[in-house]
Protein backbone atom coordinates (compact mmCIF):
# COMPACT_ATOMS: atom_id res chain seq x y z
CA MET A 1 0.00 0.00 0.00
CA ASP A 2 1.26 3.47 -0.89
CA GLU A 3 2.02 5.84 1.98
CA TYR A 4 1.07 9.51 2.11
CA VAL A 5 1.41 12.64 4.16
CA LEU A 6 -1.28 15.31 4.17
CA GLY A 7 -0.28 18.95 3.81
CA ILE A 8 -3.10 21.15 5.10
CA ASP A 9 -2.80 24.71 3.78
CA LEU A 10 -5.18 26.97 5.70
CA GLY A 11 -5.49 30.17 3.66
CA THR A 12 -7.55 33.31 4.02
CA SER A 13 -10.30 32.26 1.63
CA ALA A 14 -10.02 28.45 1.51
CA VAL A 15 -8.26 25.39 2.82
CA LYS A 16 -6.40 23.08 0.46
CA VAL A 17 -5.45 19.56 1.53
CA SER A 18 -2.86 17.65 -0.50
CA ALA A 19 -2.00 13.94 -0.28
CA VAL A 20 1.69 13.61 -1.13
CA ASP A 21 3.57 10.32 -1.54
CA ARG A 22 7.17 9.48 -0.61
CA ASN A 23 8.37 10.70 -4.02
CA GLY A 24 6.95 14.16 -3.45
CA GLU A 25 4.12 13.64 -5.95
CA ILE A 26 0.69 15.09 -5.15
CA LYS A 27 -1.63 12.14 -5.69
CA ALA A 28 -4.84 13.92 -4.74
CA GLN A 29 -5.92 17.37 -3.63
CA GLU A 30 -9.16 18.84 -2.34
CA SER A 31 -10.12 22.34 -1.27
CA PHE A 32 -13.08 24.03 0.36
CA ASP A 33 -13.94 27.72 0.76
CA TYR A 34 -15.08 29.64 3.82
CA PRO A 35 -16.39 33.18 4.21
CA LEU A 36 -14.49 36.31 5.21
CA ASN A 37 -16.50 38.66 7.41
CA GLN A 38 -15.96 42.43 7.33
CA PRO A 39 -18.50 43.85 9.81
CA GLN A 40 -16.95 47.33 9.66
CA THR A 41 -14.45 49.16 7.48
CA GLY A 42 -11.00 47.87 8.37
CA TYR A 43 -12.31 44.78 10.15
CA SER A 44 -11.51 41.28 8.87
CA GLU A 45 -12.72 38.23 10.78
CA GLN A 46 -13.47 34.54 10.38
CA ASN A 47 -15.21 31.86 12.41
CA PRO A 48 -12.55 29.34 13.49
CA ASN A 49 -15.09 26.54 13.32
CA ASP A 50 -15.45 27.24 9.59
CA TRP A 51 -11.77 26.31 9.19
CA VAL A 52 -12.35 22.99 10.96
CA MET A 53 -15.47 22.14 8.99
CA SER A 54 -13.88 23.04 5.66
CA THR A 55 -10.71 21.09 6.44
CA THR A 56 -12.83 18.09 7.38
CA VAL A 57 -14.86 18.28 4.18
CA ALA A 58 -11.65 18.34 2.13
CA ILE A 59 -10.25 15.33 4.02
CA VAL A 60 -13.50 13.37 3.63
CA ARG A 61 -13.41 14.04 -0.13
CA LEU A 62 -9.81 12.80 -0.32
CA ILE A 63 -10.86 9.57 1.35
CA LEU A 64 -14.18 9.00 -0.42
CA ASP A 65 -13.73 10.62 -3.83
CA ASP A 66 -9.98 10.25 -4.38
CA HIS A 67 -9.73 6.85 -2.65
CA ILE A 68 -6.89 7.77 -0.32
CA ALA A 69 -7.13 5.01 2.29
CA PRO A 70 -7.06 6.36 5.87
CA GLN A 71 -4.49 3.73 6.88
CA SER A 72 -2.14 5.01 4.14
CA ILE A 73 -2.05 8.52 5.64
CA LYS A 74 0.96 8.30 7.94
CA GLY A 75 1.40 11.93 8.90
CA ILE A 76 -0.26 15.35 8.77
CA SER A 77 1.09 18.85 9.11
CA TYR A 78 -0.05 22.39 8.45
CA SER A 79 0.55 25.71 6.80
CA GLY A 80 -1.57 28.56 8.11
CA GLN A 81 -2.39 32.21 7.55
CA MET A 82 -0.27 34.23 9.97
CA HIS A 83 -1.04 36.52 12.91
CA GLY A 84 -4.78 35.69 13.22
CA LEU A 85 -6.01 35.80 16.82
CA VAL A 86 -8.12 32.90 18.13
CA LEU A 87 -9.21 33.31 21.77
CA LEU A 88 -10.24 30.30 23.88
CA ASN A 89 -11.81 30.12 27.33
CA LYS A 90 -10.86 27.68 30.12
CA ASP A 91 -12.82 24.93 28.36
CA ASN A 92 -10.98 25.68 25.08
CA GLN A 93 -14.14 27.05 23.50
CA VAL A 94 -13.86 29.90 20.97
CA LEU A 95 -14.82 33.23 22.55
CA ARG A 96 -15.25 35.39 19.45
CA PRO A 97 -14.50 35.45 15.71
CA ALA A 98 -10.80 35.39 14.88
CA ILE A 99 -9.20 38.75 14.01
CA LEU A 100 -7.13 38.21 10.86
CA TRP A 101 -3.79 39.39 9.51
CA ASN A 102 -5.44 41.90 7.11
CA ASP A 103 -7.52 43.58 9.82
CA THR A 104 -6.48 47.22 10.32
CA ARG A 105 -8.50 48.27 13.38
CA THR A 106 -5.47 48.43 15.71
CA THR A 107 -3.74 51.64 14.60
CA LYS A 108 -4.28 53.10 18.10
CA GLN A 109 -2.71 50.05 19.77
CA ARG A 110 0.17 50.07 17.31
CA HIS A 111 0.99 53.66 18.15
CA GLU A 112 0.79 52.90 21.88
CA ILE A 113 3.32 50.09 21.51
CA GLU A 114 5.64 52.24 19.41
CA THR A 115 5.41 55.13 21.89
CA GLN A 116 6.18 52.94 24.90
CA MET A 117 8.86 50.74 23.35
CA GLY A 118 10.43 52.63 20.44
CA ASP A 119 13.27 50.76 18.75
CA GLN A 120 13.46 48.30 21.64
CA PHE A 121 10.39 46.50 20.35
CA GLU A 122 12.00 45.82 17.00
CA ALA A 123 15.23 44.71 18.72
CA ILE A 124 13.30 42.11 20.72
CA THR A 125 10.86 40.82 18.11
CA GLY A 126 12.56 41.60 14.77
CA ASN A 127 9.31 43.28 13.71
CA ARG A 128 7.19 46.36 14.01
CA PRO A 129 3.86 46.05 15.87
CA LEU A 130 1.78 46.45 12.71
CA GLU A 131 -1.98 46.36 12.36
CA GLY A 132 -3.18 42.78 12.06
CA PHE A 133 -0.35 41.36 14.18
CA THR A 134 -1.34 39.34 17.21
CA LEU A 135 -0.08 41.57 20.04
CA PRO A 136 -1.92 44.71 18.85
CA ASN A 137 -5.04 42.56 18.41
CA LEU A 138 -4.72 41.29 21.99
CA LEU A 139 -4.44 44.86 23.26
CA TRP A 140 -7.51 45.85 21.23
CA ILE A 141 -9.51 43.04 22.85
CA LYS A 142 -8.32 44.06 26.30
CA GLU A 143 -9.40 47.65 25.71
CA ASN A 144 -12.62 47.15 23.76
CA GLU A 145 -14.00 43.77 24.88
CA PRO A 146 -13.06 43.49 28.57
CA GLN A 147 -15.45 40.61 29.26
CA ILE A 148 -13.90 38.54 26.46
CA TRP A 149 -10.47 39.42 27.81
CA LYS A 150 -11.48 38.32 31.29
CA GLU A 151 -12.60 34.93 29.96
CA THR A 152 -9.50 34.35 27.82
CA ALA A 153 -7.50 31.34 29.00
CA THR A 154 -5.23 30.97 25.95
CA PHE A 155 -4.81 32.16 22.38
CA LEU A 156 -3.85 30.30 19.23
CA LEU A 157 -3.20 31.14 15.60
CA PRO A 158 -5.44 29.72 12.85
CA LYS A 159 -3.63 26.49 11.96
CA ASP A 160 -2.98 25.83 15.64
CA TYR A 161 -6.69 25.84 16.35
CA VAL A 162 -7.35 23.34 13.56
CA ARG A 163 -4.54 21.14 14.89
CA TYR A 164 -6.01 21.37 18.39
CA ARG A 165 -9.39 20.19 17.12
CA MET A 166 -7.71 17.22 15.41
CA THR A 167 -5.40 16.20 18.29
CA GLY A 168 -6.73 17.80 21.46
CA LYS A 169 -3.28 19.34 22.05
CA LEU A 170 -2.57 23.08 22.38
CA GLY A 171 0.56 24.75 21.03
CA ILE A 172 2.12 27.13 18.52
CA ASP A 173 5.20 26.55 16.40
CA TYR A 174 8.12 28.98 16.41
CA THR A 175 7.50 30.32 12.88
CA ASP A 176 4.01 31.48 13.84
CA ALA A 177 5.13 32.57 17.32
CA THR A 178 7.53 35.12 15.83
CA GLY A 179 4.56 36.53 13.91
CA THR A 180 2.70 37.27 17.15
CA THR A 181 5.39 39.86 18.04
CA LEU A 182 5.44 38.42 21.56
CA LEU A 183 8.44 36.13 20.97
CA ASP A 184 12.00 37.29 21.62
CA ILE A 185 13.61 36.37 18.28
CA ASN A 186 17.06 36.43 19.91
CA THR A 187 16.24 33.75 22.50
CA ASN A 188 13.23 32.07 20.83
CA GLN A 189 11.29 32.33 24.08
CA TRP A 190 8.19 34.32 24.94
CA SER A 191 9.27 37.79 26.00
CA LYS A 192 8.62 38.34 29.70
CA LEU A 193 9.43 42.03 29.21
CA LEU A 194 6.70 42.51 26.61
CA CYS A 195 4.18 40.59 28.68
CA GLU A 196 4.95 42.76 31.72
CA LYS A 197 5.00 45.98 29.72
CA PHE A 198 1.58 45.40 28.16
CA ASP A 199 -0.01 43.37 30.96
CA ILE A 200 -0.34 40.17 28.96
CA PRO A 201 -0.74 37.20 31.37
CA GLU A 202 1.95 34.65 30.59
CA LYS A 203 -0.54 31.87 31.32
CA ILE A 204 -2.39 32.63 28.07
CA LEU A 205 0.73 32.03 25.95
CA PRO A 206 0.54 28.62 24.25
CA PRO A 207 3.38 26.06 24.46
CA LEU A 208 6.13 26.53 21.85
CA LEU A 209 6.75 23.76 19.32
CA LYS A 210 9.29 23.04 16.60
CA SER A 211 7.70 22.73 13.16
CA THR A 212 8.56 19.03 12.83
CA GLN A 213 7.65 18.23 16.44
CA TYR A 214 5.26 15.32 16.92
CA VAL A 215 2.19 16.73 18.66
CA GLY A 216 -0.04 13.65 18.90
CA ASN A 217 -2.29 11.36 16.95
CA ILE A 218 -5.72 11.98 15.49
CA THR A 219 -8.23 11.70 18.34
CA ASP A 220 -11.02 9.13 18.42
CA GLN A 221 -13.57 11.94 18.12
CA TYR A 222 -11.95 13.54 15.06
CA ALA A 223 -11.35 10.13 13.48
CA GLU A 224 -15.06 9.42 13.67
CA PHE A 225 -15.81 12.89 12.33
CA SER A 226 -13.36 12.78 9.40
CA GLY A 227 -12.69 9.15 8.58
CA LEU A 228 -8.99 9.47 9.43
CA SER A 229 -7.15 6.77 11.36
CA THR A 230 -6.11 7.31 14.97
CA GLU A 231 -2.74 5.85 13.91
CA THR A 232 -2.00 9.00 11.87
CA LYS A 233 0.69 11.17 13.47
CA VAL A 234 0.35 14.95 13.55
CA PHE A 235 3.23 17.45 13.44
CA ALA A 236 3.20 21.10 14.46
CA GLY A 237 3.51 22.83 11.06
CA ALA A 238 4.46 26.37 10.11
CA ALA A 239 3.21 29.81 9.18
CA ASP A 240 2.12 29.97 5.53
CA ASN A 241 5.11 31.99 4.38
CA ALA A 242 7.54 29.75 6.22
CA ALA A 243 5.89 26.68 4.72
CA GLY A 244 5.87 28.40 1.32
CA ALA A 245 9.62 28.91 1.59
CA LEU A 246 10.06 25.21 2.32
CA GLY A 247 7.78 24.18 -0.53
CA ALA A 248 9.78 26.35 -2.92
CA GLY A 249 13.13 25.05 -1.68
CA ILE A 250 14.25 28.39 -0.20
CA LEU A 251 16.96 26.96 2.04
CA ASN A 252 19.96 29.21 1.34
CA SER A 253 20.56 32.95 1.41
CA ASN A 254 21.02 33.64 -2.33
CA GLN A 255 17.46 32.67 -3.23
CA ALA A 256 14.25 34.61 -2.76
CA LEU A 257 10.60 33.70 -2.99
CA SER A 258 7.97 35.70 -4.86
CA SER A 259 4.50 34.65 -3.75
CA ILE A 260 1.29 36.15 -5.09
CA GLY A 261 -1.68 34.99 -3.06
CA THR A 262 -4.36 37.14 -1.43
CA SER A 263 -1.41 39.07 -0.09
CA GLY A 264 2.01 39.15 -1.73
CA VAL A 265 5.39 38.26 -0.29
CA ILE A 266 9.04 38.65 -1.13
CA LEU A 267 10.94 36.33 1.20
CA LYS A 268 14.63 35.58 1.70
CA TYR A 269 16.41 32.97 3.81
CA GLU A 270 18.62 34.42 6.57
CA ASP A 271 21.27 32.66 8.63
CA GLN A 272 20.61 35.01 11.55
CA PRO A 273 18.35 37.96 12.39
CA ASN A 274 19.33 41.09 10.46
CA PRO A 275 18.79 44.32 12.45
CA GLY A 276 19.55 46.36 9.31
CA TYR A 277 15.97 46.04 8.07
CA HIS A 278 14.75 48.19 11.00
CA GLY A 279 11.40 46.42 11.02
CA THR A 280 10.49 47.42 7.46
CA LEU A 281 10.92 43.76 6.58
CA GLN A 282 9.64 41.16 8.99
CA MET A 283 12.09 38.73 10.63
CA GLU A 284 10.70 35.29 11.39
CA ASP A 285 11.91 31.85 12.40
CA HIS A 286 12.39 29.36 9.55
CA PRO A 287 11.20 25.76 10.05
CA ASP A 288 14.76 24.42 9.67
CA GLY A 289 16.03 26.38 12.68
CA GLY A 290 17.34 29.36 10.70
CA TYR A 291 15.45 32.56 9.89
CA TYR A 292 13.80 34.33 7.02
CA SER A 293 12.97 37.92 6.27
CA MET A 294 10.01 39.05 4.22
CA GLY A 295 8.16 42.08 2.98
CA VAL A 296 4.40 41.93 2.50
CA THR A 297 2.09 43.62 0.02
CA LEU A 298 -1.31 43.41 1.70
CA ALA A 299 -3.40 43.29 -1.47
CA ALA A 300 -1.48 41.48 -4.21
CA GLY A 301 -3.69 38.81 -5.74
CA TYR A 302 -6.59 40.45 -3.94
CA SER A 303 -6.12 43.54 -6.11
CA LEU A 304 -6.63 41.50 -9.26
CA SER A 305 -9.57 39.52 -7.83
CA TRP A 306 -11.16 42.80 -6.66
CA PHE A 307 -10.74 44.30 -10.13
CA LYS A 308 -12.19 41.19 -11.79
CA LYS A 309 -15.17 41.02 -9.43
CA THR A 310 -15.88 44.74 -9.74
CA PHE A 311 -15.36 45.38 -13.45
CA CYS A 312 -15.23 42.13 -15.44
CA ASN A 313 -16.60 39.28 -13.37
CA ASP A 314 -17.80 37.45 -16.48
CA MET A 315 -14.19 36.96 -17.61
CA SER A 316 -12.03 34.02 -16.56
CA TYR A 317 -8.50 34.59 -15.28
CA ALA A 318 -7.22 33.11 -18.54
CA GLU A 319 -9.19 35.78 -20.42
CA LEU A 320 -7.76 38.46 -18.11
CA ASN A 321 -4.26 37.28 -18.99
CA GLN A 322 -5.09 37.36 -22.70
CA ALA A 323 -6.43 40.90 -22.43
CA ALA A 324 -3.33 42.03 -20.51
CA GLN A 325 -1.09 40.43 -23.15
CA LYS A 326 -2.64 42.67 -25.81
CA SER A 327 -1.61 45.78 -23.88
CA THR A 328 1.94 47.14 -23.75
CA ILE A 329 4.72 47.37 -21.18
CA GLY A 330 3.58 50.26 -19.02
CA SER A 331 -0.09 49.61 -19.86
CA ASN A 332 -0.24 52.45 -22.37
CA GLY A 333 0.73 55.01 -19.75
CA LEU A 334 -1.41 53.67 -16.87
CA VAL A 335 -0.01 53.01 -13.38
CA PHE A 336 -1.77 51.20 -10.54
CA THR A 337 -0.71 51.11 -6.87
CA PRO A 338 -2.10 48.05 -5.00
CA TYR A 339 -2.80 49.74 -1.67
CA ILE A 340 -6.52 49.04 -1.71
CA VAL A 341 -6.59 47.80 1.93
CA GLY A 342 -3.66 49.89 3.16
CA GLU A 343 -0.08 48.70 2.97
CA ARG A 344 2.49 46.95 5.15
CA ALA A 345 5.90 47.22 3.43
CA PRO A 346 7.76 49.30 2.63
CA TYR A 347 5.02 51.71 3.74
CA ALA A 348 3.51 50.69 7.08
CA ASP A 349 0.37 52.73 6.43
CA ALA A 350 -3.11 51.41 7.15
CA ASN A 351 -4.74 54.57 5.77
CA THR A 352 -3.18 54.75 2.33
CA ARG A 353 -5.27 53.54 -0.61
CA GLY A 354 -4.72 52.45 -4.18
CA SER A 355 -4.64 54.62 -7.26
CA PHE A 356 -4.91 54.47 -11.01
CA ILE A 357 -2.64 57.21 -12.35
CA GLY A 358 -2.60 58.34 -15.97
CA VAL A 359 -6.13 57.39 -16.99
CA ASP A 360 -7.07 58.64 -20.45
CA GLY A 361 -9.79 57.98 -23.00
CA LYS A 362 -7.64 55.81 -25.26
CA GLN A 363 -7.04 53.05 -22.72
CA ASN A 364 -9.10 49.88 -22.68
CA LEU A 365 -9.89 47.07 -20.26
CA GLY A 366 -6.69 45.21 -21.13
CA ASP A 367 -4.63 48.23 -20.14
CA PHE A 368 -6.32 48.37 -16.74
CA ILE A 369 -5.83 44.64 -16.16
CA ARG A 370 -2.16 44.85 -17.11
CA ALA A 371 -1.68 47.94 -14.94
CA VAL A 372 -3.00 46.00 -11.92
CA MET A 373 -0.64 43.10 -12.64
CA GLU A 374 2.33 45.44 -13.15
CA GLY A 375 1.50 47.42 -10.02
CA ILE A 376 1.58 44.27 -7.90
CA VAL A 377 5.02 43.33 -9.24
CA PHE A 378 6.25 46.92 -8.82
CA SER A 379 5.27 46.67 -5.15
CA PHE A 380 7.52 43.59 -4.96
CA GLU A 381 10.34 45.55 -6.59
CA ASP A 382 10.02 48.05 -3.72
CA LEU A 383 10.77 45.16 -1.37
CA LEU A 384 13.67 43.78 -3.39
CA ASN A 385 15.25 47.23 -3.35
CA ILE A 386 15.49 47.01 0.44
CA TYR A 387 17.61 43.88 0.05
CA ARG A 388 19.76 45.57 -2.56
CA GLU A 389 20.35 48.49 -0.23
CA GLN A 390 21.56 45.98 2.39
CA GLY A 391 24.01 44.47 -0.08
CA SER A 392 22.17 41.16 -0.32
CA GLU A 393 22.93 39.18 -3.47
CA ILE A 394 19.87 37.35 -4.75
CA SER A 395 20.75 35.27 -7.79
CA THR A 396 17.38 33.67 -8.52
CA ILE A 397 13.76 34.11 -7.52
CA VAL A 398 11.25 31.28 -7.21
CA SER A 399 7.65 32.23 -8.03
CA ILE A 400 4.68 30.49 -6.40
CA GLY A 401 0.99 31.25 -6.05
CA GLY A 402 -1.09 33.05 -8.65
CA GLY A 403 1.95 34.74 -10.14
CA SER A 404 3.37 31.37 -11.15
CA LYS A 405 0.28 30.30 -13.10
CA SER A 406 0.48 33.04 -15.71
CA GLU A 407 3.09 33.23 -18.46
CA ILE A 408 2.75 36.99 -18.72
CA TRP A 409 3.10 37.43 -14.97
CA LEU A 410 6.18 35.20 -14.80
CA GLN A 411 7.94 37.11 -17.58
CA MET A 412 6.83 40.40 -16.03
CA GLN A 413 8.51 39.40 -12.76
CA ALA A 414 11.74 38.46 -14.53
CA ASP A 415 11.79 41.77 -16.42
CA ILE A 416 10.92 44.01 -13.47
CA PHE A 417 13.21 42.18 -11.01
CA ASN A 418 15.95 41.82 -13.66
CA ARG A 419 16.59 38.34 -12.29
CA PRO A 420 15.84 34.81 -13.50
CA VAL A 421 12.46 33.69 -12.19
CA ILE A 422 11.90 29.98 -11.60
CA LYS A 423 8.58 28.24 -12.08
CA LEU A 424 8.30 24.95 -10.19
CA LYS A 425 6.75 21.78 -11.54
CA ASN A 426 4.58 21.86 -8.45
CA ALA A 427 4.00 25.44 -7.36
CA GLN A 428 1.83 24.56 -4.36
CA GLY A 429 4.23 26.33 -2.01
CA PRO A 430 2.72 26.32 1.49
CA GLY A 431 0.82 23.06 1.05
CA MET A 432 3.93 21.28 -0.19
CA GLY A 433 5.92 22.80 2.66
CA ALA A 434 3.39 21.42 5.14
CA ALA A 435 3.73 17.99 3.54
CA MET A 436 7.54 18.27 3.79
CA ILE A 437 7.25 19.02 7.52
CA ALA A 438 5.22 15.84 8.01
CA ALA A 439 7.65 13.83 5.86
CA VAL A 440 10.68 14.99 7.85
CA GLY A 441 8.77 14.58 11.11
CA LEU A 442 8.03 10.96 10.23
CA GLY A 443 11.71 10.34 9.48
CA TRP A 444 11.24 9.77 5.75
CA PHE A 445 14.13 12.22 5.31
CA LYS A 446 16.92 13.27 7.67
CA ASP A 447 16.39 16.99 7.06
CA PHE A 448 14.70 19.53 4.78
CA GLN A 449 17.66 19.69 2.39
CA GLU A 450 17.30 15.97 1.65
CA CYS A 451 13.52 16.27 1.46
CA ALA A 452 13.70 19.21 -0.98
CA LYS A 453 15.77 17.15 -3.42
CA GLN A 454 12.84 14.73 -3.65
CA PHE A 455 9.91 17.13 -3.30
CA VAL A 456 10.97 20.37 -5.07
CA HIS A 457 11.62 20.39 -8.84
CA ARG A 458 12.11 23.23 -11.34
CA ASP A 459 9.88 23.39 -14.38
CA GLN A 460 11.00 26.47 -16.32
CA VAL A 461 13.26 29.48 -15.89
CA TYR A 462 12.15 32.89 -17.21
CA GLN A 463 15.11 35.07 -18.11
CA PRO A 464 14.86 38.88 -18.10
CA ILE A 465 14.63 40.45 -21.56
CA SER A 466 17.00 43.43 -21.67
CA ALA A 467 14.71 45.70 -23.73
CA ASN A 468 11.83 45.01 -21.34
CA VAL A 469 14.04 45.58 -18.30
CA LYS A 470 14.89 49.08 -19.53
CA LYS A 471 11.25 50.02 -20.21
CA TYR A 472 10.06 48.68 -16.87
CA ALA A 473 12.79 50.57 -15.02
CA GLU A 474 11.42 53.82 -16.47
CA ILE A 475 7.81 52.98 -15.51
CA TYR A 476 8.86 51.81 -12.05
CA ALA A 477 10.57 55.15 -11.40
CA ILE A 478 7.19 56.81 -11.99
CA TYR A 479 5.30 54.23 -9.91
CA HIS A 480 7.67 54.73 -7.01
CA GLN A 481 6.63 58.39 -6.69
CA VAL A 482 2.91 57.71 -6.32
CA TYR A 483 2.79 56.79 -2.62
CA GLU A 484 4.39 59.99 -1.37
CA GLN A 485 2.46 62.13 -3.86
CA THR A 486 -0.93 60.68 -2.79
CA LYS A 487 -0.33 59.95 0.90
CA GLN A 488 -1.90 63.12 2.29
CA ILE A 489 -4.89 62.92 -0.06
CA ASN A 490 -5.58 59.33 0.94
CA HIS A 491 -5.32 60.12 4.65
CA GLU A 492 -7.78 62.99 4.25
CA LEU A 493 -10.18 60.72 2.35
CA GLN A 494 -10.01 58.11 5.13
CA ASP A 495 -10.69 60.80 7.74
CA TYR A 496 -13.68 61.95 5.69
CA LYS A 497 -15.03 58.38 5.52
CA LYS A 498 -14.67 57.90 9.27
CA GLN A 499 -16.38 61.21 10.05
CA ASN A 500 -19.27 60.31 7.77
CA ASN A 501 -19.47 56.60 8.73
CA ILE A 502 -18.73 55.50 5.16
């Protein structure tokens, strides 16, 4: 009988569960959507039980529809959306909807942390206390929902809650713990100083786990619920970007990851924390015991899905690509900035908003589609420039997510980055990384380097085209001015909306 590991990738809009064999081949895959709730402007929440139900549906389909025998599933691990706050009471019941990574309600709490801690906060955590991060969300709960705060016995992040429901064991792995901005990245322990400074009871901090750490087996209750075997071993897992780095084989410092999902990420492996980024780039623990840095565009793929839904919902993504292909480099003089839900890096600004600059009567739908795609990649170029300023040499870039499924987008990345861009044979990224964690945890491989040789394979390399590189450099220089030129206008518009409850 074949043996499999399951990689559970818990995203912002859906969960995807992949059954991967010992050769690193995905033999079956199922996904299931869940809703995103936005009760007020700037709020972004989900019901944690929706994650569990959707994950279970996907697993049941793997067993029943794809004929993956429960006894053949030897291990399970996870990739999960980062930062999201799940609060549990003393009976481990969910107290309220989870506050997600793209929620921007905590500007007040962010400023309070920055005022009290200054640069010391970044020195401890490797990060800024940005909106959507777990610590500011905890402080918002404490200030605005005191009864919920009083009942809070522990908190988890999204994938950790799903793992708890499958195993009955509480915990958080180091890669997600760094994203809470409560972990001291220098010691890899919860920061007593931060807990004391912001009156966070240490008793609510979950146990810390290594990504490949065996947590437990599937419980009798969840086995009955899902059809899984209680013999299946479960391993801690990793934050989605950490798992994405694994799944793309980012295991040395001269490679970077370009990931276009709901959000967008440029990620680089680091041997040790780099204080030179000054919090503009996030510093996080890597599943292999090293570190990684990353910059995040809050609305990367979301910008394109928003545009499609709003203006051309009858078109498929393939048709969007075809329309963009008919436009020109620079979208016939049209520039788009993807700040439609605020921005994280390099501009930590929850109140900025996106723009189309250069609109004229000669442009068509294809120009607007291409401008959105170019604007997303330009936002990534902003992040790569931070690495260049630090003297980092990045020789190749691996593309995963939506940006790896489009020929035009892959070539666009190569031309704008002026670097070779690698498309993988299996560009699953986080889901494959989760499967790799389970495979290493089971002892199928001695380490991630050995596992990557079996699980990660290149498909095609897109080389930069010199004529395109030159044209894009000129357009990027214009794009790069837009944030500063529109910042004040956008802030005034957001103030107007708040004053008028828009």
